[in-house]
PDB file of N, CA and C in Angstrom:
ATOM      1  N   CYS A   1       1.291  -1.539  -0.571  1.00  0.00           N
ATOM      2  CA  CYS A   1       0.453  -0.028   0.183  1.00  0.00           C
ATOM      3  C   CYS A   1       0.723   1.860   0.147  1.00  0.00           C
ATOM      4  N   ARG A   2       1.001   2.215  -0.691  1.00  0.00           N
ATOM      5  CA  ARG A   2       1.896   3.433  -1.252  1.00  0.00           C
ATOM      6  C   ARG A   2       1.195   4.635   0.106  1.00  0.00           C
ATOM      7  N   LEU A   3       0.045   4.286   0.673  1.00  0.00           N
ATOM      8  CA  LEU A   3      -0.246   5.120   1.511  1.00  0.00           C
ATOM      9  C   LEU A   3       0.917   5.101   2.759  1.00  0.00           C
ATOM     10  N   SER A   4       1.160   3.999   2.780  1.00  0.00           N
ATOM     11  CA  SER A   4       2.306   3.487   4.243  1.00  0.00           C
ATOM     12  C   SER A   4       3.849   3.735   3.861  1.00  0.00           C
ATOM     13  N   VAL A   5       3.895   4.509   2.943  1.00  0.00           N
ATOM     14  CA  VAL A   5       5.177   4.302   2.624  1.00  0.00           C
ATOM     15  C   VAL A   5       5.478   5.725   3.232  1.00  0.00           C
ATOM     16  N   PRO A   6       4.931   7.277   3.400  1.00  0.00           N
ATOM     17  CA  PRO A   6       5.380   8.465   4.274  1.00  0.00           C
ATOM     18  C   PRO A   6       5.560   7.818   5.501  1.00  0.00           C
ATOM     19  N   VAL A   7       4.148   7.061   6.025  1.00  0.00           N
ATOM     20  CA  VAL A   7       4.653   7.065   7.339  1.00  0.00           C
ATOM     21  C   VAL A   7       5.212   6.510   7.518  1.00  0.00           C
ATOM     22  N   VAL A   8       5.386   5.477   7.040  1.00  0.00           N
ATOM     23  CA  VAL A   8       7.046   4.784   7.247  1.00  0.00           C
ATOM     24  C   VAL A   8       7.961   5.219   7.423  1.00  0.00           C
ATOM     25  N   LYS A   9       8.428   6.231   6.422  1.00  0.00           N
ATOM     26  CA  LYS A   9       9.099   7.214   5.934  1.00  0.00           C
ATOM     27  C   LYS A   9       9.964   8.032   7.633  1.00  0.00           C
ATOM     28  N   GLU A  10       8.222   8.939   8.420  1.00  0.00           N
ATOM     29  CA  GLU A  10       9.133   9.581   9.128  1.00  0.00           C
ATOM     30  C   GLU A  10       8.745   8.383  10.296  1.00  0.00           C
ATOM     31  N   VAL A  11       8.362   7.751  10.264  1.00  0.00           N
ATOM     32  CA  VAL A  11       8.672   7.161  12.095  1.00  0.00           C
ATOM     33  C   VAL A  11      10.380   6.488  12.012  1.00  0.00           C
ATOM     34  N   MET A  12      11.154   5.644  10.127  1.00  0.00           N
ATOM     35  CA  MET A  12      12.622   5.586  10.143  1.00  0.00           C
ATOM     36  C   MET A  12      12.607   6.892  10.590  1.00  0.00           C
ATOM     37  N   LYS A  13      12.777   8.515  10.574  1.00  0.00           N
ATOM     38  CA  LYS A  13      13.714   9.710  10.980  1.00  0.00           C
ATOM     39  C   LYS A  13      13.791   8.947  12.071  1.00  0.00           C
ATOM     40  N   GLN A  14      12.489   9.158  12.972  1.00  0.00           N
ATOM     41  CA  GLN A  14      11.849   9.395  14.236  1.00  0.00           C
ATOM     42  C   GLN A  14      13.419   8.411  15.150  1.00  0.00           C
ATOM     43  N   PHE A  15      13.155   7.175  14.847  1.00  0.00           N
ATOM     44  CA  PHE A  15      14.069   6.095  15.186  1.00  0.00           C
ATOM     45  C   PHE A  15      15.447   5.872  14.272  1.00  0.00           C
ATOM     46  N   SER A  16      15.991   6.657  13.159  1.00  0.00           N
ATOM     47  CA  SER A  16      16.828   6.314  12.472  1.00  0.00           C
ATOM     48  C   SER A  16      18.070   5.867  13.466  1.00  0.00           C
ATOM     49  N   ASN A  17      18.418   6.248  14.746  1.00  0.00           N
ATOM     50  CA  ASN A  17      19.829   5.042  15.843  1.00  0.00           C
ATOM     51  C   ASN A  17      19.318   3.336  16.322  1.00  0.00           C
ATOM     52  N   GLU A  18      18.196   4.981  16.123  1.00  0.00           N
ATOM     53  CA  GLU A  18      17.723   2.397  16.932  1.00  0.00           C
ATOM     54  C   GLU A  18      16.720   1.168  15.883  1.00  0.00           C
ATOM     55  N   ILE A  19      16.650   1.922  14.387  1.00  0.00           N
ATOM     56  CA  ILE A  19      15.892   0.432  14.101  1.00  0.00           C
ATOM     57  C   ILE A  19      16.197   0.548  12.071  1.00  0.00           C
ATOM     58  N   ASP A  20      16.014  -0.813  12.122  1.00  0.00           N
ATOM     59  CA  ASP A  20      16.888  -0.939  10.803  1.00  0.00           C
ATOM     60  C   ASP A  20      15.446  -0.834   9.750  1.00  0.00           C
ATOM     61  N   VAL A  21      15.496  -1.399   8.812  1.00  0.00           N
ATOM     62  CA  VAL A  21      14.306  -1.125   7.137  1.00  0.00           C
ATOM     63  C   VAL A  21      14.863  -1.782   6.051  1.00  0.00           C
ATOM     64  N   VAL A  22      13.462  -2.758   6.279  1.00  0.00           N
ATOM     65  CA  VAL A  22      13.455  -3.902   4.674  1.00  0.00           C
ATOM     66  C   VAL A  22      12.234  -3.681   4.484  1.00  0.00           C
ATOM     67  N   GLU A  23      12.470  -3.664   3.040  1.00  0.00           N
ATOM     68  CA  GLU A  23      10.891  -2.794   2.385  1.00  0.00           C
ATOM     69  C   GLU A  23      11.049  -4.482   1.293  1.00  0.00           C
ATOM     70  N   VAL A  24      10.448  -5.251   1.155  1.00  0.00           N
ATOM     71  CA  VAL A  24      10.187  -6.295   0.284  1.00  0.00           C
ATOM     72  C   VAL A  24       8.950  -6.260  -0.374  1.00  0.00           C
ATOM     73  N   CYS A  25       8.989  -5.979  -1.953  1.00  0.00           N
ATOM     74  CA  CYS A  25       8.210  -6.136  -2.975  1.00  0.00           C
ATOM     75  C   CYS A  25       7.362  -7.770  -2.988  1.00  0.00           C
ATOM     76  N   THR A  26       6.567  -7.913  -2.998  1.00  0.00           N
ATOM     77  CA  THR A  26       5.424  -9.149  -3.259  1.00  0.00           C
ATOM     78  C   THR A  26       5.745  -9.602  -3.995  1.00  0.00           C
ATOM     79  N   ASP A  27       5.335  -8.502  -4.947  1.00  0.00           N
ATOM     80  CA  ASP A  27       5.262  -8.847  -6.364  1.00  0.00           C
ATOM     81  C   ASP A  27       6.657  -9.171  -7.264  1.00  0.00           C
ATOM     82  N   ASP A  28       7.975  -8.689  -6.330  1.00  0.00           N
ATOM     83  CA  ASP A  28       8.784  -8.801  -6.656  1.00  0.00           C
ATOM     84  C   ASP A  28       9.673 -10.497  -5.993  1.00  0.00           C
ATOM     85  N   LEU A  29       8.783 -10.392  -5.010  1.00  0.00           N
ATOM     86  CA  LEU A  29       9.946 -11.388  -3.978  1.00  0.00           C
ATOM     87  C   LEU A  29       8.938 -11.969  -3.133  1.00  0.00           C
ATOM     88  N   PRO A  30       7.863 -13.006  -3.981  1.00  0.00           N
ATOM     89  CA  PRO A  30       6.227 -13.632  -2.849  1.00  0.00           C
ATOM     90  C   PRO A  30       6.667 -15.045  -1.806  1.00  0.00           C
ATOM     91  N   ASP A  31       8.341 -15.536  -2.100  1.00  0.00           N
ATOM     92  CA  ASP A  31       8.404 -16.591  -1.640  1.00  0.00           C
ATOM     93  C   ASP A  31       8.685 -15.656   0.005  1.00  0.00           C
ATOM     94  N   VAL A  32       9.465 -14.997   0.001  1.00  0.00           N
ATOM     95  CA  VAL A  32       9.713 -14.080   1.415  1.00  0.00           C
ATOM     96  C   VAL A  32       8.858 -14.031   2.280  1.00  0.00           C
ATOM     97  N   ALA A  33       7.914 -12.728   1.105  1.00  0.00           N
ATOM     98  CA  ALA A  33       6.322 -12.571   1.929  1.00  0.00           C
ATOM     99  C   ALA A  33       6.189 -13.914   2.196  1.00  0.00           C
ATOM    100  N   ALA A  34       5.530 -15.564   1.185  1.00  0.00           N
ATOM    101  CA  ALA A  34       5.246 -16.928   2.269  1.00  0.00           C
ATOM    102  C   ALA A  34       5.910 -16.658   3.249  1.00  0.00           C
ATOM    103  N   ASP A  35       6.921 -16.371   3.002  1.00  0.00           N
ATOM    104  CA  ASP A  35       7.993 -17.758   4.909  1.00  0.00           C
ATOM    105  C   ASP A  35       7.792 -16.820   5.642  1.00  0.00           C
ATOM    106  N   ALA A  36       7.474 -15.249   5.109  1.00  0.00           N
ATOM    107  CA  ALA A  36       7.339 -14.130   6.597  1.00  0.00           C
ATOM    108  C   ALA A  36       6.453 -14.228   7.003  1.00  0.00           C
ATOM    109  N   GLY A  37       5.088 -15.465   6.595  1.00  0.00           N
ATOM    110  CA  GLY A  37       3.814 -14.780   6.842  1.00  0.00           C
ATOM    111  C   GLY A  37       2.981 -13.941   6.576  1.00  0.00           C
ATOM    112  N   VAL A  38       3.419 -13.459   5.511  1.00  0.00           N
ATOM    113  CA  VAL A  38       2.213 -11.967   5.102  1.00  0.00           C
ATOM    114  C   VAL A  38       1.663 -12.177   3.963  1.00  0.00           C
ATOM    115  N   VAL A  39      -0.179 -12.139   4.429  1.00  0.00           N
ATOM    116  CA  VAL A  39      -0.986 -12.491   3.600  1.00  0.00           C
ATOM    117  C   VAL A  39      -1.773 -11.663   3.057  1.00  0.00           C
ATOM    118  N   SER A  40      -1.767  -9.757   3.763  1.00  0.00           N
ATOM    119  CA  SER A  40      -2.405  -8.862   3.414  1.00  0.00           C
ATOM    120  C   SER A  40      -0.996  -7.545   3.881  1.00  0.00           C
ATOM    121  N   ILE A  41      -1.313  -6.587   2.409  1.00  0.00           N
ATOM    122  CA  ILE A  41      -0.405  -6.122   2.379  1.00  0.00           C
ATOM    123  C   ILE A  41      -1.371  -4.414   2.909  1.00  0.00           C
ATOM    124  N   PRO A  42      -0.711  -3.307   3.175  1.00  0.00           N
ATOM    125  CA  PRO A  42       0.579  -3.375   3.647  1.00  0.00           C
ATOM    126  C   PRO A  42       0.506  -4.573   5.267  1.00  0.00           C
ATOM    127  N   THR A  43       2.048  -4.534   5.203  1.00  0.00           N
ATOM    128  CA  THR A  43       1.951  -5.853   6.765  1.00  0.00           C
ATOM    129  C   THR A  43       3.077  -4.754   6.610  1.00  0.00           C
ATOM    130  N   ILE A  44       3.263  -4.711   9.001  1.00  0.00           N
ATOM    131  CA  ILE A  44       5.234  -4.391   8.939  1.00  0.00           C
ATOM    132  C   ILE A  44       5.011  -5.120   9.897  1.00  0.00           C
ATOM    133  N   GLN A  45       6.494  -5.824   9.655  1.00  0.00           N
ATOM    134  CA  GLN A  45       6.380  -6.841  11.065  1.00  0.00           C
ATOM    135  C   GLN A  45       8.190  -6.183  11.752  1.00  0.00           C
ATOM    136  N   LEU A  46       7.960  -6.583  13.202  1.00  0.00           N
ATOM    137  CA  LEU A  46       9.348  -6.203  13.730  1.00  0.00           C
ATOM    138  C   LEU A  46       9.631  -7.310  13.917  1.00  0.00           C
ATOM    139  N   TYR A  47      11.189  -6.792  13.765  1.00  0.00           N
ATOM    140  CA  TYR A  47      12.028  -8.228  14.850  1.00  0.00           C
ATOM    141  C   TYR A  47      12.947  -8.097  15.707  1.00  0.00           C
ATOM    142  N   TYR A  48      13.389  -8.849  15.712  1.00  0.00           N
ATOM    143  CA  TYR A  48      14.976  -8.488  16.464  1.00  0.00           C
ATOM    144  C   TYR A  48      15.341 -10.496  17.041  1.00  0.00           C
ATOM    145  N   GLN A  49      16.598  -9.400  16.371  1.00  0.00           N
ATOM    146  CA  GLN A  49      16.825 -11.648  16.479  1.00  0.00           C
ATOM    147  C   GLN A  49      16.644 -12.482  15.589  1.00  0.00           C
ATOM    148  N   GLY A  50      16.335 -11.900  14.480  1.00  0.00           N
ATOM    149  CA  GLY A  50      15.227 -13.391  14.117  1.00  0.00           C
ATOM    150  C   GLY A  50      14.089 -13.018  14.496  1.00  0.00           C
ATOM    151  N   HIS A  51      13.750 -13.261  16.196  1.00  0.00           N
ATOM    152  CA  HIS A  51      11.989 -12.839  16.166  1.00  0.00           C
ATOM    153  C   HIS A  51      11.266 -12.467  15.763  1.00  0.00           C
ATOM    154  N   MET A  52       9.939 -12.151  15.364  1.00  0.00           N
ATOM    155  CA  MET A  52       9.670 -11.502  14.982  1.00  0.00           C
ATOM    156  C   MET A  52       8.183 -10.806  16.353  1.00  0.00           C
ATOM    157  N   LEU A  53       8.603  -9.520  16.116  1.00  0.00           N
ATOM    158  CA  LEU A  53       8.147  -9.463  17.764  1.00  0.00           C
ATOM    159  C   LEU A  53       6.193  -8.553  17.961  1.00  0.00           C
ATOM    160  N   ASP A  54       6.270  -8.260  16.569  1.00  0.00           N
ATOM    161  CA  ASP A  54       4.876  -7.737  16.263  1.00  0.00           C
ATOM    162  C   ASP A  54       4.264  -7.114  15.030  1.00  0.00           C
ATOM    163  N   ALA A  55       3.132  -6.990  14.990  1.00  0.00           N
ATOM    164  CA  ALA A  55       2.938  -7.386  13.732  1.00  0.00           C
ATOM    165  C   ALA A  55       1.791  -6.011  12.931  1.00  0.00           C
ATOM    166  N   ILE A  56       1.900  -5.329  12.074  1.00  0.00           N
ATOM    167  CA  ILE A  56       0.630  -4.036  11.605  1.00  0.00           C
ATOM    168  C   ILE A  56       0.444  -4.716  10.501  1.00  0.00           C
ATOM    169  N   ILE A  57      -1.042  -4.604  10.223  1.00  0.00           N
ATOM    170  CA  ILE A  57      -1.392  -4.752   8.804  1.00  0.00           C
ATOM    171  C   ILE A  57      -2.569  -4.357   8.564  1.00  0.00           C
ATOM    172  N   GLY A  58      -1.828  -4.017   7.153  1.00  0.00           N
ATOM    173  CA  GLY A  58      -2.921  -2.259   7.027  1.00  0.00           C
ATOM    174  C   GLY A  58      -1.957  -1.214   6.854  1.00  0.00           C
ATOM    175  N   CYS A  59      -2.731   0.028   6.859  1.00  0.00           N
ATOM    176  CA  CYS A  59      -2.241   1.016   7.256  1.00  0.00           C
ATOM    177  C   CYS A  59      -2.758   1.922   8.615  1.00  0.00           C
ATOM    178  N   VAL A  60      -1.986   2.254   9.105  1.00  0.00           N
ATOM    179  CA  VAL A  60      -1.786   2.874  10.171  1.00  0.00           C
ATOM    180  C   VAL A  60      -1.265   4.177  10.403  1.00  0.00           C
ATOM    181  N   ALA A  61      -2.039   4.753  11.235  1.00  0.00           N
ATOM    182  CA  ALA A  61      -1.315   6.619  11.625  1.00  0.00           C
ATOM    183  C   ALA A  61      -0.041   6.286  11.590  1.00  0.00           C
ATOM    184  N   LYS A  62       0.409   7.445  11.778  1.00  0.00           N
ATOM    185  CA  LYS A  62       2.352   7.418  12.046  1.00  0.00           C
ATOM    186  C   LYS A  62       2.714   7.378  13.723  1.00  0.00           C
ATOM    187  N   ASN A  63       1.848   7.600  14.330  1.00  0.00           N
ATOM    188  CA  ASN A  63       1.124   7.310  16.177  1.00  0.00           C
ATOM    189  C   ASN A  63       0.859   6.457  16.486  1.00  0.00           C
ATOM    190  N   VAL A  64       0.248   5.415  15.355  1.00  0.00           N
ATOM    191  CA  VAL A  64       0.357   3.956  16.008  1.00  0.00           C
ATOM    192  C   VAL A  64       1.232   3.290  16.117  1.00  0.00           C
ATOM    193  N   LEU A  65       2.158   3.746  14.861  1.00  0.00           N
ATOM    194  CA  LEU A  65       3.700   2.705  13.838  1.00  0.00           C
ATOM    195  C   LEU A  65       4.668   3.420  14.905  1.00  0.00           C
ATOM    196  N   ALA A  66       4.227   4.442  15.296  1.00  0.00           N
ATOM    197  CA  ALA A  66       5.495   4.579  16.391  1.00  0.00           C
ATOM    198  C   ALA A  66       5.370   4.380  18.170  1.00  0.00           C
ATOM    199  N   SER A  67       3.739   4.279  18.420  1.00  0.00           N
ATOM    200  CA  SER A  67       4.209   2.805  19.259  1.00  0.00           C
ATOM    201  C   SER A  67       4.524   2.067  19.357  1.00  0.00           C
ATOM    202  N   ALA A  68       3.969   1.159  18.453  1.00  0.00           N
ATOM    203  CA  ALA A  68       4.215  -0.209  17.959  1.00  0.00           C
ATOM    204  C   ALA A  68       5.775   0.125  18.362  1.00  0.00           C
ATOM    205  N   VAL A  69       6.448   0.228  17.712  1.00  0.00           N
ATOM    206  CA  VAL A  69       8.125   0.516  17.390  1.00  0.00           C
ATOM    207  C   VAL A  69       8.369   1.104  19.101  1.00  0.00           C
ATOM    208  N   SER A  70       8.604   1.744  19.805  1.00  0.00           N
ATOM    209  CA  SER A  70       8.357   2.207  21.253  1.00  0.00           C
ATOM    210  C   SER A  70       8.376   0.896  21.786  1.00  0.00           C
ATOM    211  N   LYS A  71       7.605   0.155  22.074  1.00  0.00           N
ATOM    212  CA  LYS A  71       6.759  -0.433  22.608  1.00  0.00           C
ATOM    213  C   LYS A  71       8.020  -2.379  22.811  1.00  0.00           C
ATOM    214  N   VAL A  72       8.284  -2.341  21.419  1.00  0.00           N
ATOM    215  CA  VAL A  72       9.291  -2.816  20.806  1.00  0.00           C
ATOM    216  C   VAL A  72      10.336  -2.909  22.266  1.00  0.00           C
ATOM    217  N   LEU A  73      10.919  -1.775  21.327  1.00  0.00           N
ATOM    218  CA  LEU A  73      12.083  -1.793  22.148  1.00  0.00           C
ATOM    219  C   LEU A  73      12.288  -1.482  23.119  1.00  0.00           C
ATOM    220  N   GLU A  74      11.069  -1.070  24.147  1.00  0.00           N
ATOM    221  CA  GLU A  74      10.510  -1.000  25.115  1.00  0.00           C
ATOM    222  C   GLU A  74      10.963  -2.756  25.808  1.00  0.00           C
ATOM    223  N   ASP A  75      10.842  -3.484  25.154  1.00  0.00           N
ATOM    224  CA  ASP A  75      10.524  -4.761  25.838  1.00  0.00           C
ATOM    225  C   ASP A  75      11.176  -5.354  25.254  1.00  0.00           C
ATOM    226  N   ILE A  76      12.803  -5.124  24.671  1.00  0.00           N
ATOM    227  CA  ILE A  76      14.118  -5.343  24.136  1.00  0.00           C
ATOM    228  C   ILE A  76      15.128  -5.028  25.289  1.00  0.00           C
ATOM    229  N   PHE A  77      14.941  -3.412  25.675  1.00  0.00           N
ATOM    230  CA  PHE A  77      16.372  -2.767  25.927  1.00  0.00           C
ATOM    231  C   PHE A  77      15.432  -1.890  27.916  1.00  0.00           C
ATOM    232  N   GLY A  78      14.474  -2.015  28.235  1.00  0.00           N
ATOM    233  CA  GLY A  78      13.575  -1.592  28.735  1.00  0.00           C
ATOM    234  C   GLY A  78      13.420   0.002  28.604  1.00  0.00           C
ATOM    235  N   PRO A  79      12.992   0.955  29.266  1.00  0.00           N
ATOM    236  CA  PRO A  79      12.479   2.171  30.038  1.00  0.00           C
ATOM    237  C   PRO A  79      13.164   2.547  29.065  1.00  0.00           C
ATOM    238  N   GLU A  80      12.878   3.741  28.433  1.00  0.00           N
ATOM    239  CA  GLU A  80      13.784   4.558  28.184  1.00  0.00           C
ATOM    240  C   GLU A  80      14.562   5.810  29.118  1.00  0.00           C
ATOM    241  N   GLU A  81      15.508   6.232  29.154  1.00  0.00           N
ATOM    242  CA  GLU A  81      15.649   7.219  31.201  1.00  0.00           C
ATOM    243  C   GLU A  81      15.210   8.424  30.460  1.00  0.00           C
ATOM    244  N   ASP A  82      14.929   8.966  31.216  1.00  0.00           N
ATOM    245  CA  ASP A  82      14.295   9.965  30.808  1.00  0.00           C
ATOM    246  C   ASP A  82      15.228  11.560  30.683  1.00  0.00           C
ATOM    247  N   GLY A  83      16.854  11.352  32.104  1.00  0.00           N
ATOM    248  CA  GLY A  83      16.998  11.887  32.360  1.00  0.00           C
ATOM    249  C   GLY A  83      16.577  13.188  34.212  1.00  0.00           C
ATOM    250  N   GLU A  84      16.050  12.567  34.034  1.00  0.00           N
ATOM    251  CA  GLU A  84      15.477  12.891  35.572  1.00  0.00           C
ATOM    252  C   GLU A  84      16.006  12.084  36.849  1.00  0.00           C
ATOM    253  N   SER A  85      17.111  12.408  38.437  1.00  0.00           N
ATOM    254  CA  SER A  85      17.281  11.721  38.844  1.00  0.00           C
ATOM    255  C   SER A  85      16.277  12.378  40.237  1.00  0.00           C
TER     256      SER A  85
END
């Protein structure tokens, strides 16, 4: 879904030092998409060390995708310090 591209790009910028983004075109690589369990487009899957931790299916708002990324990062690395002590 081309509508999700701007949202993904904005979230990529927001988390540029923390995540890598890989795009798979299901038309060009149907086997890769099938192996990943992609049945609907767009599908955004969040992985860490080869394990899928979350999946978002369909076009979503930037805040929804950013929240999902934040939650996965928090689950992996713990809550972000806010600098207050």
